[in-house]
Amino acid sequence: DSNENAISTLHTRFKDFLIENIVRGESLYSITIPKLDFAEGNY
């Protein structure tokens, strides 16, 4: 949050999304949050 307090952590390990191998070049990944339950402000 704006006071530099950690609010939440998103980790591939939490969802068993291990990237076993990655190759040279550019790769695009997405993280979908179905409902962002945050109050208004900067994060």
PDB file of all heavy atoms in Angstrom:
ATOM      1  N   ASP A   1       0.837  -1.192   0.000  1.00  0.00           N
ATOM      2  CA  ASP A   1       0.000   0.000   0.000  1.00  0.00           C
ATOM      3  C   ASP A   1       0.874   1.244   0.000  1.00  0.00           C
ATOM      4  O   ASP A   1       2.107   1.158  -0.075  1.00  0.00           O
ATOM      5  CB  ASP A   1      -0.967  -0.008   1.191  1.00  0.00           C
ATOM      6  CG  ASP A   1      -0.266   0.113   2.549  1.00  0.00           C
ATOM      7  OD1 ASP A   1       0.973   0.308   2.592  1.00  0.00           O
ATOM      8  OD2 ASP A   1      -0.965   0.005   3.586  1.00  0.00           O
ATOM      9  N   SER A   2       0.258   2.412   0.089  1.00  0.00           N
ATOM     10  CA  SER A   2       1.002   3.670  -0.004  1.00  0.00           C
ATOM     11  C   SER A   2       1.890   3.930   1.194  1.00  0.00           C
ATOM     12  O   SER A   2       2.749   4.813   1.149  1.00  0.00           O
ATOM     13  CB  SER A   2       0.034   4.847  -0.179  1.00  0.00           C
ATOM     14  OG  SER A   2      -0.899   4.915   0.884  1.00  0.00           O
ATOM     15  N   ASN A   3       1.707   3.163   2.284  1.00  0.00           N
ATOM     16  CA  ASN A   3       2.579   3.280   3.447  1.00  0.00           C
ATOM     17  C   ASN A   3       3.658   2.212   3.461  1.00  0.00           C
ATOM     18  O   ASN A   3       4.323   2.001   4.466  1.00  0.00           O
ATOM     19  CB  ASN A   3       1.763   3.201   4.740  1.00  0.00           C
ATOM     20  CG  ASN A   3       0.921   4.425   4.958  1.00  0.00           C
ATOM     21  OD1 ASN A   3       1.336   5.528   4.659  1.00  0.00           O
ATOM     22  ND2 ASN A   3      -0.279   4.233   5.467  1.00  0.00           N
ATOM     23  N   GLU A   4       3.796   1.521   2.326  1.00  0.00           N
ATOM     24  CA  GLU A   4       4.813   0.498   2.132  1.00  0.00           C
ATOM     25  C   GLU A   4       4.606  -0.725   3.011  1.00  0.00           C
ATOM     26  O   GLU A   4       5.543  -1.431   3.368  1.00  0.00           O
ATOM     27  CB  GLU A   4       6.219   1.087   2.309  1.00  0.00           C
ATOM     28  CG  GLU A   4       6.503   2.248   1.363  1.00  0.00           C
ATOM     29  CD  GLU A   4       7.908   2.804   1.463  1.00  0.00           C
ATOM     30  OE1 GLU A   4       8.654   2.358   2.343  1.00  0.00           O
ATOM     31  OE2 GLU A   4       8.270   3.680   0.665  1.00  0.00           O
ATOM     32  N   ASN A   5       3.330  -0.980   3.370  1.00  0.00           N
ATOM     33  CA  ASN A   5       2.974  -2.205   4.074  1.00  0.00           C
ATOM     34  C   ASN A   5       2.575  -3.272   3.058  1.00  0.00           C
ATOM     35  O   ASN A   5       1.825  -2.991   2.122  1.00  0.00           O
ATOM     36  CB  ASN A   5       1.803  -1.958   5.030  1.00  0.00           C
ATOM     37  CG  ASN A   5       2.122  -0.945   6.096  1.00  0.00           C
ATOM     38  OD1 ASN A   5       3.142  -1.036   6.770  1.00  0.00           O
ATOM     39  ND2 ASN A   5       1.250   0.052   6.269  1.00  0.00           N
ATOM     40  N   ALA A   6       3.109  -4.483   3.216  1.00  0.00           N
ATOM     41  CA  ALA A   6       2.758  -5.573   2.312  1.00  0.00           C
ATOM     42  C   ALA A   6       1.299  -5.968   2.516  1.00  0.00           C
ATOM     43  O   ALA A   6       0.863  -6.232   3.636  1.00  0.00           O
ATOM     44  CB  ALA A   6       3.671  -6.765   2.540  1.00  0.00           C
ATOM     45  N   ILE A   7       0.534  -5.993   1.428  1.00  0.00           N
ATOM     46  CA  ILE A   7      -0.891  -6.311   1.491  1.00  0.00           C
ATOM     47  C   ILE A   7      -1.160  -7.748   1.069  1.00  0.00           C
ATOM     48  O   ILE A   7      -1.950  -8.453   1.671  1.00  0.00           O
ATOM     49  CB  ILE A   7      -1.705  -5.344   0.608  1.00  0.00           C
ATOM     50  CG1 ILE A   7      -1.471  -3.909   1.039  1.00  0.00           C
ATOM     51  CG2 ILE A   7      -3.196  -5.679   0.649  1.00  0.00           C
ATOM     52  CD1 ILE A   7      -1.858  -3.644   2.478  1.00  0.00           C
ATOM     53  N   SER A   8      -0.478  -8.187   0.002  1.00  0.00           N
ATOM     54  CA  SER A   8      -0.723  -9.537  -0.490  1.00  0.00           C
ATOM     55  C   SER A   8       0.468 -10.002  -1.317  1.00  0.00           C
ATOM     56  O   SER A   8       1.222  -9.190  -1.860  1.00  0.00           O
ATOM     57  CB  SER A   8      -1.998  -9.584  -1.334  1.00  0.00           C
ATOM     58  OG  SER A   8      -2.306 -10.903  -1.726  1.00  0.00           O
ATOM     59  N   THR A   9       0.633 -11.331  -1.401  1.00  0.00           N
ATOM     60  CA  THR A   9       1.689 -11.934  -2.202  1.00  0.00           C
ATOM     61  C   THR A   9       1.064 -12.914  -3.197  1.00  0.00           C
ATOM     62  O   THR A   9       0.253 -13.762  -2.811  1.00  0.00           O
ATOM     63  CB  THR A   9       2.714 -12.675  -1.321  1.00  0.00           C
ATOM     64  OG1 THR A   9       3.347 -11.736  -0.436  1.00  0.00           O
ATOM     65  CG2 THR A   9       3.783 -13.335  -2.183  1.00  0.00           C
ATOM     66  N   LEU A  10       1.441 -12.790  -4.460  1.00  0.00           N
ATOM     67  CA  LEU A  10       1.006 -13.707  -5.512  1.00  0.00           C
ATOM     68  C   LEU A  10       2.232 -14.509  -5.952  1.00  0.00           C
ATOM     69  O   LEU A  10       3.237 -13.939  -6.355  1.00  0.00           O
ATOM     70  CB  LEU A  10       0.414 -12.936  -6.697  1.00  0.00           C
ATOM     71  CG  LEU A  10      -0.634 -11.856  -6.364  1.00  0.00           C
ATOM     72  CD1 LEU A  10      -1.104 -11.171  -7.636  1.00  0.00           C
ATOM     73  CD2 LEU A  10      -1.818 -12.454  -5.620  1.00  0.00           C
ATOM     74  N   HIS A  11       2.148 -15.823  -5.867  1.00  0.00           N
ATOM     75  CA  HIS A  11       3.299 -16.693  -6.113  1.00  0.00           C
ATOM     76  C   HIS A  11       2.855 -17.854  -7.007  1.00  0.00           C
ATOM     77  O   HIS A  11       1.792 -18.440  -6.764  1.00  0.00           O
ATOM     78  CB  HIS A  11       3.827 -17.225  -4.774  1.00  0.00           C
ATOM     79  CG  HIS A  11       5.221 -17.738  -4.784  1.00  0.00           C
ATOM     80  ND1 HIS A  11       5.686 -18.671  -5.702  1.00  0.00           N
ATOM     81  CD2 HIS A  11       6.285 -17.475  -3.971  1.00  0.00           C
ATOM     82  CE1 HIS A  11       6.951 -18.953  -5.463  1.00  0.00           C
ATOM     83  NE2 HIS A  11       7.344 -18.234  -4.423  1.00  0.00           N
ATOM     84  N   THR A  12       3.645 -18.133  -8.019  1.00  0.00           N
ATOM     85  CA  THR A  12       3.311 -19.265  -8.875  1.00  0.00           C
ATOM     86  C   THR A  12       3.192 -20.551  -8.075  1.00  0.00           C
ATOM     87  O   THR A  12       2.375 -21.427  -8.382  1.00  0.00           O
ATOM     88  CB  THR A  12       4.371 -19.434  -9.980  1.00  0.00           C
ATOM     89  OG1 THR A  12       5.694 -19.392  -9.386  1.00  0.00           O
ATOM     90  CG2 THR A  12       4.265 -18.324 -11.019  1.00  0.00           C
ATOM     91  N   ARG A  13       4.006 -20.678  -7.012  1.00  0.00           N
ATOM     92  CA  ARG A  13       3.977 -21.889  -6.181  1.00  0.00           C
ATOM     93  C   ARG A  13       2.631 -22.064  -5.484  1.00  0.00           C
ATOM     94  O   ARG A  13       2.165 -23.188  -5.283  1.00  0.00           O
ATOM     95  CB  ARG A  13       5.102 -21.826  -5.151  1.00  0.00           C
ATOM     96  CG  ARG A  13       5.124 -22.961  -4.158  1.00  0.00           C
ATOM     97  CD  ARG A  13       6.393 -22.932  -3.330  1.00  0.00           C
ATOM     98  NE  ARG A  13       6.559 -21.709  -2.577  1.00  0.00           N
ATOM     99  CZ  ARG A  13       6.045 -21.499  -1.368  1.00  0.00           C
ATOM    100  NH1 ARG A  13       5.320 -22.435  -0.773  1.00  0.00           N
ATOM    101  NH2 ARG A  13       6.263 -20.351  -0.739  1.00  0.00           N
ATOM    102  N   PHE A  14       1.974 -20.927  -5.104  1.00  0.00           N
ATOM    103  CA  PHE A  14       0.694 -21.023  -4.407  1.00  0.00           C
ATOM    104  C   PHE A  14      -0.361 -21.724  -5.253  1.00  0.00           C
ATOM    105  O   PHE A  14      -1.277 -22.353  -4.725  1.00  0.00           O
ATOM    106  CB  PHE A  14       0.193 -19.625  -4.028  1.00  0.00           C
ATOM    107  CG  PHE A  14       1.057 -18.896  -3.036  1.00  0.00           C
ATOM    108  CD1 PHE A  14       0.896 -17.529  -2.821  1.00  0.00           C
ATOM    109  CD2 PHE A  14       2.022 -19.564  -2.308  1.00  0.00           C
ATOM    110  CE1 PHE A  14       1.674 -16.857  -1.911  1.00  0.00           C
ATOM    111  CE2 PHE A  14       2.822 -18.887  -1.386  1.00  0.00           C
ATOM    112  CZ  PHE A  14       2.647 -17.530  -1.194  1.00  0.00           C
ATOM    113  N   LYS A  15      -0.257 -21.597  -6.572  1.00  0.00           N
ATOM    114  CA  LYS A  15      -1.247 -22.167  -7.492  1.00  0.00           C
ATOM    115  C   LYS A  15      -0.695 -23.358  -8.277  1.00  0.00           C
ATOM    116  O   LYS A  15      -1.285 -23.781  -9.269  1.00  0.00           O
ATOM    117  CB  LYS A  15      -1.740 -21.099  -8.468  1.00  0.00           C
ATOM    118  CG  LYS A  15      -2.335 -19.865  -7.797  1.00  0.00           C
ATOM    119  CD  LYS A  15      -3.610 -20.192  -7.040  1.00  0.00           C
ATOM    120  CE  LYS A  15      -4.752 -20.528  -7.961  1.00  0.00           C
ATOM    121  NZ  LYS A  15      -6.022 -20.720  -7.254  1.00  0.00           N
ATOM    122  N   ASP A  16       0.429 -23.904  -7.811  1.00  0.00           N
ATOM    123  CA  ASP A  16       1.075 -25.046  -8.488  1.00  0.00           C
ATOM    124  C   ASP A  16       1.353 -24.756  -9.961  1.00  0.00           C
ATOM    125  O   ASP A  16       1.251 -25.626 -10.820  1.00  0.00           O
ATOM    126  CB  ASP A  16       0.221 -26.307  -8.360  1.00  0.00           C
ATOM    127  CG  ASP A  16       0.223 -26.866  -6.948  1.00  0.00           C
ATOM    128  OD1 ASP A  16       1.248 -26.707  -6.248  1.00  0.00           O
ATOM    129  OD2 ASP A  16      -0.795 -27.463  -6.546  1.00  0.00           O
ATOM    130  N   PHE A  17       1.731 -23.502 -10.241  1.00  0.00           N
ATOM    131  CA  PHE A  17       2.033 -23.109 -11.618  1.00  0.00           C
ATOM    132  C   PHE A  17       3.547 -23.004 -11.779  1.00  0.00           C
ATOM    133  O   PHE A  17       4.105 -21.923 -11.862  1.00  0.00           O
ATOM    134  CB  PHE A  17       1.348 -21.785 -11.959  1.00  0.00           C
ATOM    135  CG  PHE A  17       1.513 -21.366 -13.397  1.00  0.00           C
ATOM    136  CD1 PHE A  17       0.766 -21.970 -14.394  1.00  0.00           C
ATOM    137  CD2 PHE A  17       2.412 -20.374 -13.756  1.00  0.00           C
ATOM    138  CE1 PHE A  17       0.917 -21.590 -15.723  1.00  0.00           C
ATOM    139  CE2 PHE A  17       2.566 -19.982 -15.069  1.00  0.00           C
ATOM    140  CZ  PHE A  17       1.826 -20.590 -16.057  1.00  0.00           C
ATOM    141  N   LEU A  18       4.203 -24.151 -11.787  1.00  0.00           N
ATOM    142  CA  LEU A  18       5.648 -24.176 -11.963  1.00  0.00           C
ATOM    143  C   LEU A  18       6.000 -24.121 -13.448  1.00  0.00           C
ATOM    144  O   LEU A  18       5.468 -24.902 -14.241  1.00  0.00           O
ATOM    145  CB  LEU A  18       6.253 -25.428 -11.333  1.00  0.00           C
ATOM    146  CG  LEU A  18       7.755 -25.632 -11.527  1.00  0.00           C
ATOM    147  CD1 LEU A  18       8.544 -24.547 -10.787  1.00  0.00           C
ATOM    148  CD2 LEU A  18       8.175 -27.018 -11.057  1.00  0.00           C
ATOM    149  N   ILE A  19       6.853 -23.186 -13.812  1.00  0.00           N
ATOM    150  CA  ILE A  19       7.358 -23.111 -15.177  1.00  0.00           C
ATOM    151  C   ILE A  19       8.584 -24.022 -15.234  1.00  0.00           C
ATOM    152  O   ILE A  19       9.680 -23.646 -14.816  1.00  0.00           O
ATOM    153  CB  ILE A  19       7.717 -21.668 -15.552  1.00  0.00           C
ATOM    154  CG1 ILE A  19       6.519 -20.736 -15.289  1.00  0.00           C
ATOM    155  CG2 ILE A  19       8.145 -21.584 -17.018  1.00  0.00           C
ATOM    156  CD1 ILE A  19       6.855 -19.270 -15.388  1.00  0.00           C
ATOM    157  N   GLU A  20       8.396 -25.229 -15.735  1.00  0.00           N
ATOM    158  CA  GLU A  20       9.470 -26.218 -15.676  1.00  0.00           C
ATOM    159  C   GLU A  20      10.660 -25.826 -16.545  1.00  0.00           C
ATOM    160  O   GLU A  20      11.812 -26.037 -16.153  1.00  0.00           O
ATOM    161  CB  GLU A  20       8.936 -27.588 -16.094  1.00  0.00           C
ATOM    162  CG  GLU A  20       7.903 -28.152 -15.117  1.00  0.00           C
ATOM    163  CD  GLU A  20       7.452 -29.541 -15.486  1.00  0.00           C
ATOM    164  OE1 GLU A  20       7.912 -30.053 -16.529  1.00  0.00           O
ATOM    165  OE2 GLU A  20       6.660 -30.145 -14.740  1.00  0.00           O
ATOM    166  N   ASN A  21      10.390 -25.279 -17.722  1.00  0.00           N
ATOM    167  CA  ASN A  21      11.470 -24.862 -18.609  1.00  0.00           C
ATOM    168  C   ASN A  21      11.100 -23.547 -19.284  1.00  0.00           C
ATOM    169  O   ASN A  21       9.930 -23.298 -19.590  1.00  0.00           O
ATOM    170  CB  ASN A  21      11.740 -25.917 -19.690  1.00  0.00           C
ATOM    171  CG  ASN A  21      12.281 -27.204 -19.093  1.00  0.00           C
ATOM    172  OD1 ASN A  21      13.433 -27.289 -18.706  1.00  0.00           O
ATOM    173  ND2 ASN A  21      11.409 -28.221 -19.015  1.00  0.00           N
ATOM    174  N   ILE A  22      12.103 -22.719 -19.496  1.00  0.00           N
ATOM    175  CA  ILE A  22      11.885 -21.454 -20.183  1.00  0.00           C
ATOM    176  C   ILE A  22      12.975 -21.289 -21.237  1.00  0.00           C
ATOM    177  O   ILE A  22      14.154 -21.591 -20.993  1.00  0.00           O
ATOM    178  CB  ILE A  22      11.886 -20.273 -19.181  1.00  0.00           C
ATOM    179  CG1 ILE A  22      11.321 -19.019 -19.809  1.00  0.00           C
ATOM    180  CG2 ILE A  22      13.254 -20.030 -18.569  1.00  0.00           C
ATOM    181  CD1 ILE A  22      10.967 -17.940 -18.790  1.00  0.00           C
ATOM    182  N   VAL A  23      12.573 -20.851 -22.423  1.00  0.00           N
ATOM    183  CA  VAL A  23      13.509 -20.759 -23.545  1.00  0.00           C
ATOM    184  C   VAL A  23      13.873 -19.304 -23.811  1.00  0.00           C
ATOM    185  O   VAL A  23      13.207 -18.382 -23.340  1.00  0.00           O
ATOM    186  CB  VAL A  23      12.912 -21.389 -24.815  1.00  0.00           C
ATOM    187  CG1 VAL A  23      12.643 -22.878 -24.585  1.00  0.00           C
ATOM    188  CG2 VAL A  23      11.610 -20.693 -25.209  1.00  0.00           C
ATOM    189  N   ARG A  24      14.933 -19.123 -24.567  1.00  0.00           N
ATOM    190  CA  ARG A  24      15.402 -17.776 -24.894  1.00  0.00           C
ATOM    191  C   ARG A  24      14.329 -16.985 -25.650  1.00  0.00           C
ATOM    192  O   ARG A  24      13.507 -17.548 -26.374  1.00  0.00           O
ATOM    193  CB  ARG A  24      16.668 -17.839 -25.741  1.00  0.00           C
ATOM    194  CG  ARG A  24      17.883 -18.439 -25.021  1.00  0.00           C
ATOM    195  CD  ARG A  24      19.043 -18.594 -25.987  1.00  0.00           C
ATOM    196  NE  ARG A  24      20.174 -19.238 -25.381  1.00  0.00           N
ATOM    197  CZ  ARG A  24      21.232 -18.605 -24.898  1.00  0.00           C
ATOM    198  NH1 ARG A  24      21.287 -17.284 -24.972  1.00  0.00           N
ATOM    199  NH2 ARG A  24      22.243 -19.269 -24.341  1.00  0.00           N
ATOM    200  N   GLY A  25      14.368 -15.680 -25.464  1.00  0.00           N
ATOM    201  CA  GLY A  25      13.413 -14.805 -26.134  1.00  0.00           C
ATOM    202  C   GLY A  25      12.459 -14.177 -25.133  1.00  0.00           C
ATOM    203  O   GLY A  25      12.690 -14.187 -23.923  1.00  0.00           O
ATOM    204  N   GLU A  26      11.366 -13.629 -25.631  1.00  0.00           N
ATOM    205  CA  GLU A  26      10.389 -12.973 -24.783  1.00  0.00           C
ATOM    206  C   GLU A  26       9.211 -13.898 -24.489  1.00  0.00           C
ATOM    207  O   GLU A  26       8.743 -14.625 -25.361  1.00  0.00           O
ATOM    208  CB  GLU A  26       9.904 -11.676 -25.433  1.00  0.00           C
ATOM    209  CG  GLU A  26      10.990 -10.604 -25.534  1.00  0.00           C
ATOM    210  CD  GLU A  26      10.464  -9.261 -25.996  1.00  0.00           C
ATOM    211  OE1 GLU A  26       9.223  -9.134 -26.156  1.00  0.00           O
ATOM    212  OE2 GLU A  26      11.282  -8.337 -26.180  1.00  0.00           O
ATOM    213  N   SER A  27       8.727 -13.839 -23.254  1.00  0.00           N
ATOM    214  CA  SER A  27       7.589 -14.644 -22.823  1.00  0.00           C
ATOM    215  C   SER A  27       6.588 -13.744 -22.108  1.00  0.00           C
ATOM    216  O   SER A  27       6.975 -12.848 -21.351  1.00  0.00           O
ATOM    217  CB  SER A  27       8.033 -15.775 -21.889  1.00  0.00           C
ATOM    218  OG  SER A  27       8.968 -16.635 -22.518  1.00  0.00           O
ATOM    219  N   LEU A  28       5.310 -13.983 -22.339  1.00  0.00           N
ATOM    220  CA  LEU A  28       4.243 -13.200 -21.729  1.00  0.00           C
ATOM    221  C   LEU A  28       3.450 -14.071 -20.768  1.00  0.00           C
ATOM    222  O   LEU A  28       2.996 -15.161 -21.128  1.00  0.00           O
ATOM    223  CB  LEU A  28       3.320 -12.613 -22.794  1.00  0.00           C
ATOM    224  CG  LEU A  28       2.098 -11.812 -22.293  1.00  0.00           C
ATOM    225  CD1 LEU A  28       2.558 -10.540 -21.572  1.00  0.00           C
ATOM    226  CD2 LEU A  28       1.166 -11.470 -23.441  1.00  0.00           C
ATOM    227  N   TYR A  29       3.247 -13.586 -19.532  1.00  0.00           N
ATOM    228  CA  TYR A  29       2.463 -14.296 -18.528  1.00  0.00           C
ATOM    229  C   TYR A  29       1.381 -13.366 -17.979  1.00  0.00           C
ATOM    230  O   TYR A  29       1.571 -12.150 -17.896  1.00  0.00           O
ATOM    231  CB  TYR A  29       3.345 -14.798 -17.385  1.00  0.00           C
ATOM    232  CG  TYR A  29       4.340 -15.849 -17.824  1.00  0.00           C
ATOM    233  CD1 TYR A  29       5.608 -15.473 -18.255  1.00  0.00           C
ATOM    234  CD2 TYR A  29       4.022 -17.190 -17.811  1.00  0.00           C
ATOM    235  CE1 TYR A  29       6.529 -16.425 -18.675  1.00  0.00           C
ATOM    236  CE2 TYR A  29       4.933 -18.154 -18.217  1.00  0.00           C
ATOM    237  CZ  TYR A  29       6.177 -17.767 -18.652  1.00  0.00           C
ATOM    238  OH  TYR A  29       7.083 -18.718 -19.075  1.00  0.00           O
ATOM    239  N   SER A  30       0.257 -13.934 -17.626  1.00  0.00           N
ATOM    240  CA  SER A  30      -0.844 -13.158 -17.076  1.00  0.00           C
ATOM    241  C   SER A  30      -1.238 -13.686 -15.706  1.00  0.00           C
ATOM    242  O   SER A  30      -1.178 -14.887 -15.449  1.00  0.00           O
ATOM    243  CB  SER A  30      -2.055 -13.175 -18.015  1.00  0.00           C
ATOM    244  OG  SER A  30      -2.613 -14.481 -18.096  1.00  0.00           O
ATOM    245  N   ILE A  31      -1.640 -12.781 -14.834  1.00  0.00           N
ATOM    246  CA  ILE A  31      -2.171 -13.138 -13.520  1.00  0.00           C
ATOM    247  C   ILE A  31      -3.540 -12.501 -13.414  1.00  0.00           C
ATOM    248  O   ILE A  31      -3.668 -11.258 -13.434  1.00  0.00           O
ATOM    249  CB  ILE A  31      -1.270 -12.626 -12.375  1.00  0.00           C
ATOM    250  CG1 ILE A  31       0.166 -13.128 -12.558  1.00  0.00           C
ATOM    251  CG2 ILE A  31      -1.815 -13.073 -11.046  1.00  0.00           C
ATOM    252  CD1 ILE A  31       1.084 -12.093 -13.196  1.00  0.00           C
ATOM    253  N   THR A  32      -4.570 -13.300 -13.322  1.00  0.00           N
ATOM    254  CA  THR A  32      -5.939 -12.805 -13.260  1.00  0.00           C
ATOM    255  C   THR A  32      -6.413 -12.761 -11.811  1.00  0.00           C
ATOM    256  O   THR A  32      -6.313 -13.749 -11.087  1.00  0.00           O
ATOM    257  CB  THR A  32      -6.880 -13.680 -14.092  1.00  0.00           C
ATOM    258  OG1 THR A  32      -6.457 -13.674 -15.459  1.00  0.00           O
ATOM    259  CG2 THR A  32      -8.307 -13.153 -14.014  1.00  0.00           C
ATOM    260  N   ILE A  33      -6.922 -11.623 -11.417  1.00  0.00           N
ATOM    261  CA  ILE A  33      -7.520 -11.457 -10.090  1.00  0.00           C
ATOM    262  C   ILE A  33      -9.020 -11.270 -10.314  1.00  0.00           C
ATOM    263  O   ILE A  33      -9.457 -10.231 -10.810  1.00  0.00           O
ATOM    264  CB  ILE A  33      -6.919 -10.248  -9.361  1.00  0.00           C
ATOM    265  CG1 ILE A  33      -5.394 -10.399  -9.241  1.00  0.00           C
ATOM    266  CG2 ILE A  33      -7.548 -10.089  -7.985  1.00  0.00           C
ATOM    267  CD1 ILE A  33      -4.689  -9.185  -8.677  1.00  0.00           C
ATOM    268  N   PRO A  34      -9.848 -12.280  -9.978  1.00  0.00           N
ATOM    269  CA  PRO A  34     -11.283 -12.208 -10.293  1.00  0.00           C
ATOM    270  C   PRO A  34     -11.997 -11.025  -9.654  1.00  0.00           C
ATOM    271  O   PRO A  34     -12.904 -10.442 -10.252  1.00  0.00           O
ATOM    272  CB  PRO A  34     -11.824 -13.536  -9.765  1.00  0.00           C
ATOM    273  CG  PRO A  34     -10.637 -14.442  -9.681  1.00  0.00           C
ATOM    274  CD  PRO A  34      -9.489 -13.555  -9.356  1.00  0.00           C
ATOM    275  N   LYS A  35     -11.564 -10.654  -8.447  1.00  0.00           N
ATOM    276  CA  LYS A  35     -12.206  -9.555  -7.738  1.00  0.00           C
ATOM    277  C   LYS A  35     -11.175  -8.894  -6.829  1.00  0.00           C
ATOM    278  O   LYS A  35     -10.730  -9.504  -5.859  1.00  0.00           O
ATOM    279  CB  LYS A  35     -13.397 -10.059  -6.925  1.00  0.00           C
ATOM    280  CG  LYS A  35     -14.223  -8.964  -6.276  1.00  0.00           C
ATOM    281  CD  LYS A  35     -15.420  -9.540  -5.548  1.00  0.00           C
ATOM    282  CE  LYS A  35     -16.289  -8.444  -4.946  1.00  0.00           C
ATOM    283  NZ  LYS A  35     -17.454  -8.988  -4.206  1.00  0.00           N
ATOM    284  N   LEU A  36     -10.789  -7.680  -7.152  1.00  0.00           N
ATOM    285  CA  LEU A  36      -9.775  -6.974  -6.380  1.00  0.00           C
ATOM    286  C   LEU A  36     -10.443  -6.272  -5.201  1.00  0.00           C
ATOM    287  O   LEU A  36     -11.087  -5.231  -5.363  1.00  0.00           O
ATOM    288  CB  LEU A  36      -9.032  -5.962  -7.255  1.00  0.00           C
ATOM    289  CG  LEU A  36      -7.802  -5.317  -6.603  1.00  0.00           C
ATOM    290  CD1 LEU A  36      -6.713  -6.348  -6.379  1.00  0.00           C
ATOM    291  CD2 LEU A  36      -7.269  -4.169  -7.451  1.00  0.00           C
ATOM    292  N   ASP A  37     -10.279  -6.830  -4.018  1.00  0.00           N
ATOM    293  CA  ASP A  37     -10.976  -6.339  -2.835  1.00  0.00           C
ATOM    294  C   ASP A  37     -10.155  -5.282  -2.092  1.00  0.00           C
ATOM    295  O   ASP A  37     -10.016  -5.328  -0.873  1.00  0.00           O
ATOM    296  CB  ASP A  37     -11.305  -7.501  -1.893  1.00  0.00           C
ATOM    297  CG  ASP A  37     -12.203  -8.526  -2.547  1.00  0.00           C
ATOM    298  OD1 ASP A  37     -12.841  -8.203  -3.555  1.00  0.00           O
ATOM    299  OD2 ASP A  37     -12.266  -9.669  -2.049  1.00  0.00           O
ATOM    300  N   PHE A  38      -9.626  -4.306  -2.810  1.00  0.00           N
ATOM    301  CA  PHE A  38      -8.808  -3.258  -2.222  1.00  0.00           C
ATOM    302  C   PHE A  38      -9.604  -1.961  -2.132  1.00  0.00           C
ATOM    303  O   PHE A  38     -10.418  -1.649  -3.010  1.00  0.00           O
ATOM    304  CB  PHE A  38      -7.552  -2.992  -3.052  1.00  0.00           C
ATOM    305  CG  PHE A  38      -6.495  -4.061  -2.961  1.00  0.00           C
ATOM    306  CD1 PHE A  38      -6.708  -5.223  -2.254  1.00  0.00           C
ATOM    307  CD2 PHE A  38      -5.272  -3.903  -3.584  1.00  0.00           C
ATOM    308  CE1 PHE A  38      -5.736  -6.206  -2.171  1.00  0.00           C
ATOM    309  CE2 PHE A  38      -4.295  -4.869  -3.519  1.00  0.00           C
ATOM    310  CZ  PHE A  38      -4.531  -6.031  -2.812  1.00  0.00           C
ATOM    311  N   ALA A  39      -9.338  -1.195  -1.062  1.00  0.00           N
ATOM    312  CA  ALA A  39      -9.907   0.136  -0.955  1.00  0.00           C
ATOM    313  C   ALA A  39      -9.227   1.071  -1.938  1.00  0.00           C
ATOM    314  O   ALA A  39      -8.146   0.776  -2.455  1.00  0.00           O
ATOM    315  CB  ALA A  39      -9.749   0.661   0.473  1.00  0.00           C
ATOM    316  N   GLU A  40      -9.852   2.222  -2.214  1.00  0.00           N
ATOM    317  CA  GLU A  40      -9.284   3.148  -3.172  1.00  0.00           C
ATOM    318  C   GLU A  40      -7.945   3.687  -2.668  1.00  0.00           C
ATOM    319  O   GLU A  40      -7.712   3.829  -1.474  1.00  0.00           O
ATOM    320  CB  GLU A  40     -10.251   4.296  -3.459  1.00  0.00           C
ATOM    321  CG  GLU A  40     -10.572   5.171  -2.264  1.00  0.00           C
ATOM    322  CD  GLU A  40     -11.514   6.298  -2.619  1.00  0.00           C
ATOM    323  OE1 GLU A  40     -11.932   6.396  -3.776  1.00  0.00           O
ATOM    324  OE2 GLU A  40     -11.842   7.101  -1.724  1.00  0.00           O
ATOM    325  N   GLY A  41      -7.061   3.966  -3.613  1.00  0.00           N
ATOM    326  CA  GLY A  41      -5.736   4.452  -3.272  1.00  0.00           C
ATOM    327  C   GLY A  41      -4.701   3.925  -4.246  1.00  0.00           C
ATOM    328  O   GLY A  41      -5.018   3.229  -5.223  1.00  0.00           O
ATOM    329  N   ASN A  42      -3.441   4.244  -3.982  1.00  0.00           N
ATOM    330  CA  ASN A  42      -2.328   3.807  -4.810  1.00  0.00           C
ATOM    331  C   ASN A  42      -1.679   2.565  -4.214  1.00  0.00           C
ATOM    332  O   ASN A  42      -1.493   2.465  -2.998  1.00  0.00           O
ATOM    333  CB  ASN A  42      -1.283   4.913  -4.942  1.00  0.00           C
ATOM    334  CG  ASN A  42      -1.809   6.115  -5.698  1.00  0.00           C
ATOM    335  OD1 ASN A  42      -2.512   5.976  -6.689  1.00  0.00           O
ATOM    336  ND2 ASN A  42      -1.492   7.312  -5.235  1.00  0.00           N
ATOM    337  N   TYR A  43      -1.291   1.640  -5.092  1.00  0.00           N
ATOM    338  CA  TYR A  43      -0.638   0.407  -4.675  1.00  0.00           C
ATOM    339  C   TYR A  43       0.570   0.148  -5.567  1.00  0.00           C
ATOM    340  O   TYR A  43       0.624   0.603  -6.717  1.00  0.00           O
ATOM    341  CB  TYR A  43      -1.605  -0.777  -4.729  1.00  0.00           C
ATOM    342  CG  TYR A  43      -2.759  -0.646  -3.761  1.00  0.00           C
ATOM    343  CD1 TYR A  43      -3.907   0.057  -4.114  1.00  0.00           C
ATOM    344  CD2 TYR A  43      -2.692  -1.208  -2.498  1.00  0.00           C
ATOM    345  CE1 TYR A  43      -4.962   0.193  -3.225  1.00  0.00           C
ATOM    346  CE2 TYR A  43      -3.738  -1.089  -1.602  1.00  0.00           C
ATOM    347  CZ  TYR A  43      -4.875  -0.376  -1.967  1.00  0.00           C
ATOM    348  OH  TYR A  43      -5.910  -0.236  -1.083  1.00  0.00           O
TER     349      TYR A  43
END
